[in-house]
C-alpha cells in the first residue's frame, strides 16, 4: 500500500459573538466576529444576521484577494432562507450621519431598527459603514459604534479611509505615519503589514531641536522609539488620521519631502528626491459636537501644499484615499457583491446602493462620480442629510439625488422608493401578461 497524504477540506470559519463591554481589540482580530451589547449576548438581536453575513463576506473577500499559501479558499455554504432583500443596500457615513460629538444622532438608533426589519414591509436591508475617519482599525471603530448605538455590529461592515493603504505594505520599507493619538496609527499600520513604522514622536525623541516649540510629554516619550535617523531612509509618508500638532507634524513632513531620499538632516537641491506622501482622505471640514464644522485632513493637505510651494517653488504631488476616491466605492461594491453571493447565490452586487452622507464634497461627490464611472456595476444613489456638515440655506457644491432631514428619513425614503419600484414592475408584468393573452 503506497503512502498517501490525506488532506482535510478547509475548515469553515464561524462567527464569534463578543461582548462590547469586555472584548479587546486583540480578541476581535483573531477571526470573524460580531460585537454584541451585553443585553443581547443571550439571544441574537435583529441586527445579528446583517452583521454576521457581512463579516463572513469580508472574510471570504480577503481570502480571494490575498489567497492563502496553499491557494485554497473556504467555500461558502448553501445560501440560507432569509427575509433579506438582495435588491438594494445602504451605505452610511458615520460622523454627522449616525454620530455627532461621540454621541448618537437621535434618529440613528431608530433608523437601524427599520433596516433590521422593523418596517411596514417586514424586510431586512443590508448596510455597511464607509468613513473617512482615520487613526483606528476597523475593529476599534466597530467596538466604538456598537457601544454608541447599542447594537450588534461586525468589523466586516466597516470601510475606513485608510483601509486601501494596507495594499502598500509590501511596497515600502521604512515609512513615516502621521496623525492620531499616541502611537495608535503606528499600531494600525503595523496591523496592515508595514514592516518598519516611524512616527513624528520618534523623530523628536532622536533630535529634540526638530520642533522648537513642541516638547514630548512623558507619555509621548514612552510611546516613541529610539533610533538613529541619520542612518534611516524614509520611503513613504502616510497621514493616517488628523494631526494633533499641525506645526510640528508639518515641519517634519516638509523635512522629509525636501530631503535626499528620505534622509532627515539632508536637503535636496532639486526637491524631487523625497518620498511620496499619502493621505487617508481629503475632507476639508468635518462635523463634531461644535456648532460649526472643524478643519479636517484635507485642510492639512492644502496647508502642506501651500508651504511646499512657498519653500520650493514646485507643486507638491500627493495622493488621497477615502471618499470621494473611486477605490473606496469599488471595494464597497465587491463587499456587497460577495454578501449577495453568500446569502442569495447571486454573483452580482445589489442593483441599488443608497449612500447616506452629510458632506457634499466627499460623500455626495464620490457617490455621484462613481455611479457615472465605467467602474460602477450597479446604481449608487446619493442622499444628503442636514445633521452634519451640510446645513439648510446653503447650496451643496455637488447635488445629491435626494436631500432629507436625518438618517431615519433617508432610510425610509430608500425603502419606500424600492417598494414603489417593485409595484411598477409588477404592474408592468401584469400588463404584459394581459397583452400576451389578448394576442392569443
Protein backbone atom coordinates (compact mmCIF):
# COMPACT_ATOMS: atom_id res chain seq x y z
CA UNK A 1 0.00 0.00 0.00
CA UNK A 2 1.50 3.29 -1.12
CA UNK A 3 1.96 6.12 1.26
CA UNK A 4 -0.74 8.77 0.84
CA UNK A 5 -1.30 12.17 2.35
CA UNK A 6 -4.94 12.80 3.07
CA UNK A 7 -5.89 16.49 3.03
CA UNK A 8 -8.90 17.52 5.06
CA UNK A 9 -11.24 20.04 3.48
CA UNK A 10 -10.64 23.60 4.73
CA UNK A 11 -12.49 24.30 7.94
CA UNK A 12 -15.39 26.69 7.58
CA UNK A 13 -14.85 29.64 9.89
CA UNK A 14 -17.59 30.54 12.33
CA UNK A 15 -18.58 33.97 13.57
CA UNK A 16 -17.90 34.55 17.25
CA UNK A 17 -20.15 36.76 19.39
CA UNK A 18 -18.08 39.04 21.62
CA UNK A 19 -19.39 41.42 24.28
CA UNK A 20 -18.94 45.13 23.53
CA UNK A 21 -18.40 45.62 27.28
CA UNK A 22 -15.46 43.28 27.81
CA UNK A 23 -13.88 42.28 24.48
CA UNK A 24 -10.46 43.57 23.43
CA UNK A 25 -9.08 44.64 20.05
CA UNK A 26 -6.77 41.64 20.15
CA UNK A 27 -9.73 39.26 20.51
CA UNK A 28 -11.53 40.95 17.63
CA UNK A 29 -8.51 40.47 15.38
CA UNK A 30 -8.43 36.68 15.93
CA UNK A 31 -11.16 35.86 13.42
CA UNK A 32 -14.69 36.61 12.20
CA UNK A 33 -16.61 38.31 15.00
CA UNK A 34 -19.74 40.26 15.84
CA UNK A 35 -19.60 42.82 18.65
CA UNK A 36 -22.68 42.42 20.85
CA UNK A 37 -24.11 44.66 23.60
CA UNK A 38 -24.29 42.67 26.89
CA UNK A 39 -28.09 42.64 26.88
CA UNK A 40 -28.11 40.73 23.56
CA UNK A 41 -25.47 38.13 24.43
CA UNK A 42 -28.04 35.53 25.47
CA UNK A 43 -30.05 35.80 22.26
CA UNK A 44 -29.13 37.36 18.89
CA UNK A 45 -30.96 40.60 18.05
CA UNK A 46 -32.47 41.65 14.72
CA UNK A 47 -29.10 43.16 13.76
CA UNK A 48 -27.15 39.92 14.14
CA UNK A 49 -27.90 38.45 10.71
CA UNK A 50 -26.66 41.54 8.85
CA UNK A 51 -23.53 41.87 10.97
CA UNK A 52 -22.59 38.18 10.73
CA UNK A 53 -23.28 37.87 7.00
CA UNK A 54 -21.16 40.91 6.09
CA UNK A 55 -18.38 39.79 8.44
CA UNK A 56 -18.19 36.46 6.58
CA UNK A 57 -18.44 38.22 3.21
CA UNK A 58 -15.45 40.41 4.04
CA UNK A 59 -13.56 37.36 5.32
CA UNK A 60 -14.13 35.50 2.04
CA UNK A 61 -13.29 38.60 0.03
CA UNK A 62 -9.96 38.82 1.83
CA UNK A 63 -9.31 35.15 1.03
CA UNK A 64 -9.95 35.82 -2.65
CA UNK A 65 -7.77 38.91 -2.85
CA UNK A 66 -4.87 37.69 -0.70
CA UNK A 67 -5.07 33.89 -1.13
CA UNK A 68 -3.77 31.53 1.46
CA UNK A 69 -0.40 29.86 0.97
CA UNK A 70 -2.00 26.67 -0.37
CA UNK A 71 -4.29 28.56 -2.72
CA UNK A 72 -7.44 27.24 -1.05
CA UNK A 73 -10.50 29.35 -0.34
CA UNK A 74 -13.13 28.32 2.14
CA UNK A 75 -16.26 27.68 0.07
CA UNK A 76 -19.47 29.40 1.14
CA UNK A 77 -22.27 27.17 2.37
CA UNK A 78 -25.61 26.86 0.59
CA UNK A 79 -27.42 30.21 0.87
CA UNK A 80 -29.86 30.01 3.81
CA UNK A 81 -33.52 31.01 3.75
CA UNK A 82 -33.75 34.68 4.65
CA UNK A 83 -36.12 37.62 4.57
CA UNK A 84 -33.31 39.94 3.49
CA UNK A 85 -33.78 41.84 0.27
CA UNK A 86 -30.99 41.25 -2.22
CA UNK A 87 -32.12 44.11 -4.46
CA UNK A 88 -30.69 47.07 -2.57
CA UNK A 89 -28.45 48.07 0.32
CA UNK A 90 -27.44 51.12 2.34
CA UNK A 91 -24.00 52.62 2.95
CA UNK A 92 -23.56 55.21 5.70
CA UNK A 93 -21.01 57.81 6.58
CA UNK A 94 -20.66 57.91 10.38
CA UNK A 95 -19.76 61.38 11.67
CA UNK A 96 -22.62 63.79 11.03
CA UNK A 97 -24.96 60.99 9.92
CA UNK A 98 -25.09 58.48 12.78
CA UNK A 99 -22.81 60.06 15.38
CA UNK A 100 -22.04 63.64 16.34
CA UNK A 101 -19.53 64.56 19.04
CA UNK A 102 -19.26 60.94 20.13
CA UNK A 103 -23.00 60.56 20.74
CA UNK A 104 -25.71 59.04 18.53
CA UNK A 105 -27.81 61.41 16.46
CA UNK A 106 -31.36 60.93 17.87
CA UNK A 107 -32.80 59.23 14.78
CA UNK A 108 -29.83 56.87 14.22
CA UNK A 109 -30.93 54.03 16.51
CA UNK A 110 -34.45 54.01 15.05
CA UNK A 111 -33.02 54.01 11.51
CA UNK A 112 -31.04 50.86 12.27
CA UNK A 113 -34.16 49.18 13.68
CA UNK A 114 -36.03 49.94 10.45
CA UNK A 115 -33.22 48.37 8.38
CA UNK A 116 -33.23 45.32 10.65
CA UNK A 117 -36.84 44.52 9.81
CA UNK A 118 -38.97 46.84 11.93
CA UNK A 119 -40.75 48.40 8.96
CA UNK A 120 -44.17 48.07 7.31
CA UNK A 121 -42.85 45.58 4.74
CA UNK A 122 -41.09 43.32 7.26
CA UNK A 123 -37.99 43.29 5.07
CA UNK A 124 -34.39 43.38 6.28
CA UNK A 125 -31.93 45.54 4.35
CA UNK A 126 -28.11 45.05 4.40
CA UNK A 127 -25.95 48.03 5.36
CA UNK A 128 -22.29 48.98 5.66
CA UNK A 129 -20.36 51.92 7.10
CA UNK A 130 -17.94 53.90 4.89
CA UNK A 131 -16.00 56.51 6.85
CA UNK A 132 -13.07 58.83 6.17
CA UNK A 133 -12.30 58.86 9.88
CA UNK A 134 -8.79 57.55 10.48
CA UNK A 135 -6.41 56.56 13.23
CA UNK A 136 -8.32 53.47 14.31
CA UNK A 137 -8.58 49.95 12.95
CA UNK A 138 -11.86 48.63 11.60
CA UNK A 139 -12.08 46.51 14.76
CA UNK A 140 -11.72 49.56 17.01
CA UNK A 141 -14.35 51.52 15.07
CA UNK A 142 -16.69 48.54 15.25
CA UNK A 143 -16.37 48.40 19.03
CA UNK A 144 -16.96 52.17 19.33
CA UNK A 145 -20.08 52.18 17.15
CA UNK A 146 -21.55 49.08 18.80
CA UNK A 147 -21.29 50.79 22.17
CA UNK A 148 -22.65 54.09 20.86
CA UNK A 149 -25.67 52.64 19.04
CA UNK A 150 -26.06 49.71 21.47
CA UNK A 151 -26.46 47.18 18.67
CA UNK A 152 -24.71 44.21 17.10
CA UNK A 153 -22.10 45.26 14.52
CA UNK A 154 -19.16 43.46 12.89
CA UNK A 155 -15.79 44.72 11.62
CA UNK A 156 -16.81 43.35 8.22
CA UNK A 157 -19.32 46.19 7.87
CA UNK A 158 -16.61 48.87 8.01
CA UNK A 159 -14.57 50.50 5.26
CA UNK A 160 -12.20 53.21 6.55
CA UNK A 161 -10.37 55.88 4.58
CA UNK A 162 -7.00 54.25 5.24
CA UNK A 163 -8.18 50.69 4.51
CA UNK A 164 -6.68 50.78 0.94
CA UNK A 165 -3.28 51.68 2.42
CA UNK A 166 -2.83 48.06 3.54
CA UNK A 167 -2.20 47.21 -0.12
CA UNK A 168 1.04 49.27 0.03
CA UNK A 169 2.54 47.44 2.99
CA UNK A 170 4.73 45.24 0.79
CA UNK A 171 5.81 48.13 -1.42
CA UNK A 172 7.67 50.22 1.17
CA UNK A 173 10.19 49.52 3.92
CA UNK A 174 10.57 52.36 6.41
CA UNK A 175 7.52 54.65 6.44
CA UNK A 176 6.55 57.75 8.42
CA UNK A 177 2.99 57.56 9.80
CA UNK A 178 1.37 60.79 10.98
CA UNK A 179 -1.76 61.66 12.97
CA UNK A 180 -3.97 60.27 15.69
CA UNK A 181 -3.47 59.87 19.41
CA UNK A 182 -0.28 58.43 20.85
CA UNK A 183 1.03 55.58 18.72
CA UNK A 184 -2.38 54.26 17.62
CA UNK A 185 -1.64 54.93 13.96
CA UNK A 186 1.64 53.04 14.24
CA UNK A 187 -0.32 50.03 15.51
CA UNK A 188 -2.85 50.35 12.67
CA UNK A 189 -0.03 50.47 10.11
CA UNK A 190 1.76 47.50 11.66
CA UNK A 191 -1.54 45.64 11.68
CA UNK A 192 -1.77 46.30 7.95
CA UNK A 193 1.63 44.66 7.46
CA UNK A 194 4.03 47.63 7.28
CA UNK A 195 7.41 46.37 8.44
CA UNK A 196 9.16 49.49 9.81
CA UNK A 197 6.89 52.30 11.03
CA UNK A 198 8.20 55.55 12.50
CA UNK A 199 6.24 58.46 13.96
CA UNK A 200 6.93 62.19 14.48
CA UNK A 201 7.48 61.34 18.16
CA UNK A 202 10.34 59.00 17.24
CA UNK A 203 12.00 61.78 15.23
CA UNK A 204 11.62 64.36 18.01
CA UNK A 205 12.96 61.86 20.54
CA UNK A 206 16.07 61.42 18.36
CA UNK A 207 16.55 65.17 17.94
CA UNK A 208 14.61 67.49 20.27
CA UNK A 209 15.53 70.53 18.15
CA UNK A 210 13.45 69.21 15.22
CA UNK A 211 10.37 71.08 16.51
CA UNK A 212 11.49 74.14 18.55
CA UNK A 213 8.07 74.76 20.12
CA UNK A 214 6.97 71.19 20.78
CA UNK A 215 8.28 69.10 23.63
CA UNK A 216 7.24 65.50 24.11
CA UNK A 217 5.16 64.70 27.17
CA UNK A 218 6.21 61.84 29.41
CA UNK A 219 3.56 59.61 27.83
CA UNK A 220 4.67 60.58 24.30
CA UNK A 221 8.29 59.88 25.21
CA UNK A 222 7.38 56.41 26.48
CA UNK A 223 5.46 55.60 23.27
CA UNK A 224 8.24 56.92 21.00
CA UNK A 225 11.01 54.59 19.87
CA UNK A 226 14.68 55.47 19.96
CA UNK A 227 16.67 55.15 16.75
CA UNK A 228 19.36 56.92 14.74
CA UNK A 229 17.60 58.72 11.90
CA UNK A 230 20.94 59.66 10.38
CA UNK A 231 21.04 56.07 9.11
CA UNK A 232 17.36 55.68 8.13
CA UNK A 233 15.76 56.32 4.75
CA UNK A 234 12.04 57.04 4.90
CA UNK A 235 10.48 55.62 1.75
CA UNK A 236 6.93 56.99 2.08
CA UNK A 237 4.77 59.24 4.27
CA UNK A 238 1.26 58.18 5.30
CA UNK A 239 -1.14 60.57 7.05
CA UNK A 240 -3.46 58.04 8.67
CA UNK A 241 -5.50 60.41 10.84
CA UNK A 242 -5.98 64.08 11.71
CA UNK A 243 -2.87 65.72 13.10
CA UNK A 244 -2.88 66.66 16.80
CA UNK A 245 0.02 69.08 16.22
CA UNK A 246 -0.16 70.83 12.87
CA UNK A 247 3.02 72.89 13.32
CA UNK A 248 5.25 70.04 14.43
CA UNK A 249 3.85 67.43 12.03
CA UNK A 250 4.06 69.77 9.03
CA UNK A 251 7.64 70.69 9.89
CA UNK A 252 8.64 67.01 9.98
CA UNK A 253 6.70 66.12 6.80
CA UNK A 254 8.34 69.04 4.93
CA UNK A 255 11.79 68.00 6.20
CA UNK A 256 11.26 64.52 4.76
CA UNK A 257 9.72 65.74 1.49
CA UNK A 258 12.62 68.11 0.82
CA UNK A 259 15.31 65.63 1.85
CA UNK A 260 17.63 63.47 -0.21
CA UNK A 261 15.94 60.07 -0.46
CA UNK A 262 14.14 60.43 2.85
CA UNK A 263 17.23 61.03 4.99
CA UNK A 264 16.50 63.53 7.74
CA UNK A 265 19.05 66.31 8.09
CA UNK A 266 19.70 66.45 4.33
CA UNK A 267 18.23 68.87 1.79
CA UNK A 268 17.75 68.15 -1.89
CA UNK A 269 18.91 70.79 -4.34
CA UNK A 270 16.24 69.84 -6.87
CA UNK A 271 13.38 68.99 -4.46
CA UNK A 272 12.49 65.89 -6.42
CA UNK A 273 14.31 63.25 -4.35
CA UNK A 274 11.88 63.00 -1.43
CA UNK A 275 9.40 60.16 -0.83
CA UNK A 276 5.71 60.20 -1.85
CA UNK A 277 3.04 61.33 0.61
CA UNK A 278 -0.41 59.74 1.02
CA UNK A 279 -3.49 60.97 2.89
CA UNK A 280 -6.26 58.65 4.08
CA UNK A 281 -8.88 61.19 2.93
CA UNK A 282 -9.30 64.78 1.74
CA UNK A 283 -12.17 66.23 3.82
CA UNK A 284 -11.53 69.95 4.36
CA UNK A 285 -14.02 70.08 7.23
CA UNK A 286 -16.00 67.60 9.33
CA UNK A 287 -18.86 67.62 11.81
CA UNK A 288 -18.21 67.46 15.57
CA UNK A 289 -20.12 68.45 18.71
CA UNK A 290 -19.20 72.08 17.98
CA UNK A 291 -21.97 74.12 16.34
CA UNK A 292 -19.67 74.89 13.39
CA UNK A 293 -17.64 72.49 11.26
CA UNK A 294 -13.98 71.93 12.19
CA UNK A 295 -10.89 71.63 9.99
CA UNK A 296 -10.04 68.14 8.75
CA UNK A 297 -7.22 66.31 6.99
CA UNK A 298 -7.94 67.98 3.65
CA UNK A 299 -7.13 71.32 5.25
CA UNK A 300 -3.77 69.94 6.44
CA UNK A 301 -3.09 68.72 2.91
CA UNK A 302 -3.91 72.16 1.44
CA UNK A 303 -1.66 73.83 4.02
CA UNK A 304 1.23 71.48 3.23
CA UNK A 305 0.85 72.07 -0.49
CA UNK A 306 0.94 75.86 0.04
CA UNK A 307 4.03 75.73 2.26
CA UNK A 308 5.84 73.32 -0.05
CA UNK A 309 5.14 75.65 -2.98
CA UNK A 310 6.36 78.68 -1.00
CA UNK A 311 9.58 76.92 0.04
CA UNK A 312 10.49 75.09 -3.18
CA UNK A 313 8.60 76.89 -5.95
CA UNK A 314 7.20 73.49 -7.00
CA UNK A 315 3.80 71.85 -6.72
CA UNK A 316 3.52 69.04 -4.18
CA UNK A 317 2.23 65.84 -5.75
CA UNK A 318 0.26 63.88 -3.16
CA UNK A 319 -2.32 61.09 -3.16
CA UNK A 320 -5.57 60.90 -1.18
CA UNK A 321 -7.69 57.82 -0.46
CA UNK A 322 -11.16 57.60 1.09
CA UNK A 323 -14.22 59.36 -0.26
CA UNK A 324 -14.61 60.71 -2.94
CA UNK A 325 -11.93 58.42 -4.41
CA UNK A 326 -13.34 55.69 -6.64
CA UNK A 327 -11.34 52.90 -4.99
CA UNK A 328 -13.36 53.18 -1.79
CA UNK A 329 -16.62 52.64 -3.68
CA UNK A 330 -15.14 49.79 -5.70
CA UNK A 331 -14.21 47.95 -2.50
CA UNK A 332 -17.71 48.56 -1.10
CA UNK A 333 -19.20 47.12 -4.29
CA UNK A 334 -17.02 43.99 -4.06
CA UNK A 335 -18.04 43.50 -0.42
CA UNK A 336 -21.76 43.78 -1.17
CA UNK A 337 -21.35 41.52 -4.20
CA UNK A 338 -19.76 38.85 -2.00
CA UNK A 339 -22.55 39.27 0.58
CA UNK A 340 -25.22 38.78 -2.10
CA UNK A 341 -23.47 35.69 -3.43
CA UNK A 342 -23.22 34.19 0.06
CA UNK A 343 -26.81 34.95 1.09
CA UNK A 344 -28.73 34.65 -2.19
CA UNK A 345 -26.45 32.74 -4.55
CA UNK A 346 -26.31 35.69 -6.99
CA UNK A 347 -22.84 36.71 -8.20
CA UNK A 348 -23.63 40.42 -8.64
CA UNK A 349 -23.94 43.40 -6.29
CA UNK A 350 -27.38 44.67 -5.22
CA UNK A 351 -28.89 46.68 -8.05
CA UNK A 352 -29.04 49.88 -5.94
CA UNK A 353 -26.89 51.18 -3.08
CA UNK A 354 -28.20 54.19 -1.17
CA UNK A 355 -25.28 56.20 0.18
CA UNK A 356 -26.24 58.48 3.08
CA UNK A 357 -23.79 61.27 3.87
CA UNK A 358 -23.52 64.78 5.29
CA UNK A 359 -20.63 66.18 3.23
CA UNK A 360 -21.34 67.21 -0.38
CA UNK A 361 -17.64 67.44 -1.29
CA UNK A 362 -16.83 63.84 -0.33
CA UNK A 363 -19.96 61.74 0.29
CA UNK A 364 -22.16 63.13 -2.47
CA UNK A 365 -19.40 63.84 -4.96
CA UNK A 366 -17.89 60.39 -4.52
CA UNK A 367 -21.23 58.61 -4.86
CA UNK A 368 -22.25 60.56 -7.96
CA UNK A 369 -18.90 60.27 -9.71
CA UNK A 370 -18.60 56.55 -9.02
CA UNK A 371 -22.15 55.97 -10.23
CA UNK A 372 -21.33 57.76 -13.51
CA UNK A 373 -17.99 55.99 -13.95
CA UNK A 374 -17.15 52.96 -16.06
CA UNK A 375 -16.31 51.06 -12.85
CA UNK A 376 -19.84 51.06 -11.41
CA UNK A 377 -21.64 47.72 -11.74
CA UNK A 378 -24.92 48.99 -10.27
CA UNK A 379 -26.67 52.22 -9.27
CA UNK A 380 -25.29 54.31 -6.42
CA UNK A 381 -27.92 56.77 -5.19
CA UNK A 382 -26.79 59.74 -3.08
CA UNK A 383 -28.82 61.04 -0.12
CA UNK A 384 -27.70 64.15 1.77
CA UNK A 385 -28.74 64.73 5.42
CA UNK A 386 -28.90 68.01 7.31
CA UNK A 387 -27.41 66.75 10.60
CA UNK A 388 -23.73 67.31 9.81
CA UNK A 389 -21.53 69.41 7.53
CA UNK A 390 -24.33 70.45 5.15
CA UNK A 391 -26.73 72.99 6.60
CA UNK A 392 -30.12 74.22 5.39
CA UNK A 393 -29.95 77.52 3.47
CA UNK A 394 -26.72 76.67 1.66
CA UNK A 395 -26.34 75.22 -1.81
CA UNK A 396 -24.35 71.97 -1.89
CA UNK A 397 -21.33 72.04 -4.18
CA UNK A 398 -22.39 68.63 -5.51
CA UNK A 399 -26.09 67.92 -5.93
CA UNK A 400 -27.48 64.75 -4.29
CA UNK A 401 -30.26 62.60 -5.69
CA UNK A 402 -32.26 63.47 -2.58
CA UNK A 403 -31.93 65.70 0.50
CA UNK A 404 -33.63 64.81 3.80
CA UNK A 405 -33.52 65.98 7.41
CA UNK A 406 -31.86 62.97 9.04
CA UNK A 407 -30.74 59.35 8.66
CA UNK A 408 -34.15 57.91 9.59
CA UNK A 409 -35.77 59.94 6.81
CA UNK A 410 -33.06 58.69 4.43
CA UNK A 411 -33.74 55.04 5.27
CA UNK A 412 -37.49 55.44 4.96
CA UNK A 413 -37.05 57.30 1.67
CA UNK A 414 -34.94 54.49 0.16
CA UNK A 415 -37.22 51.69 1.35
CA UNK A 416 -40.31 53.49 0.05
CA UNK A 417 -38.63 54.18 -3.29
CA UNK A 418 -37.82 50.48 -3.66
CA UNK A 419 -41.38 49.49 -2.75
CA UNK A 420 -42.74 51.81 -5.44
CA UNK A 421 -40.29 50.38 -7.98
CA UNK A 422 -41.50 46.87 -7.15
CA UNK A 423 -45.13 47.89 -7.61
CA UNK A 424 -44.35 49.43 -11.01
CA UNK A 425 -42.50 46.28 -12.04
CA UNK A 426 -45.42 44.03 -11.03
CA UNK A 427 -47.94 46.27 -12.82
CA UNK A 428 -45.81 46.17 -15.95
CA UNK A 429 -45.53 42.38 -15.76
CA UNK A 430 -49.31 42.01 -15.37
CA UNK A 431 -49.85 44.35 -18.30
CA UNK A 432 -47.50 42.33 -20.49
CA UNK A 433 -49.23 39.10 -19.47
CA UNK A 434 -52.64 40.59 -20.32
CA UNK A 435 -51.40 41.71 -23.73
CA UNK A 436 -49.99 38.24 -24.41
CA UNK A 437 -53.32 36.61 -23.52
CA UNK A 438 -55.23 39.10 -25.72
CA UNK A 439 -52.99 38.30 -28.69
CA UNK A 440 -53.78 34.59 -28.33
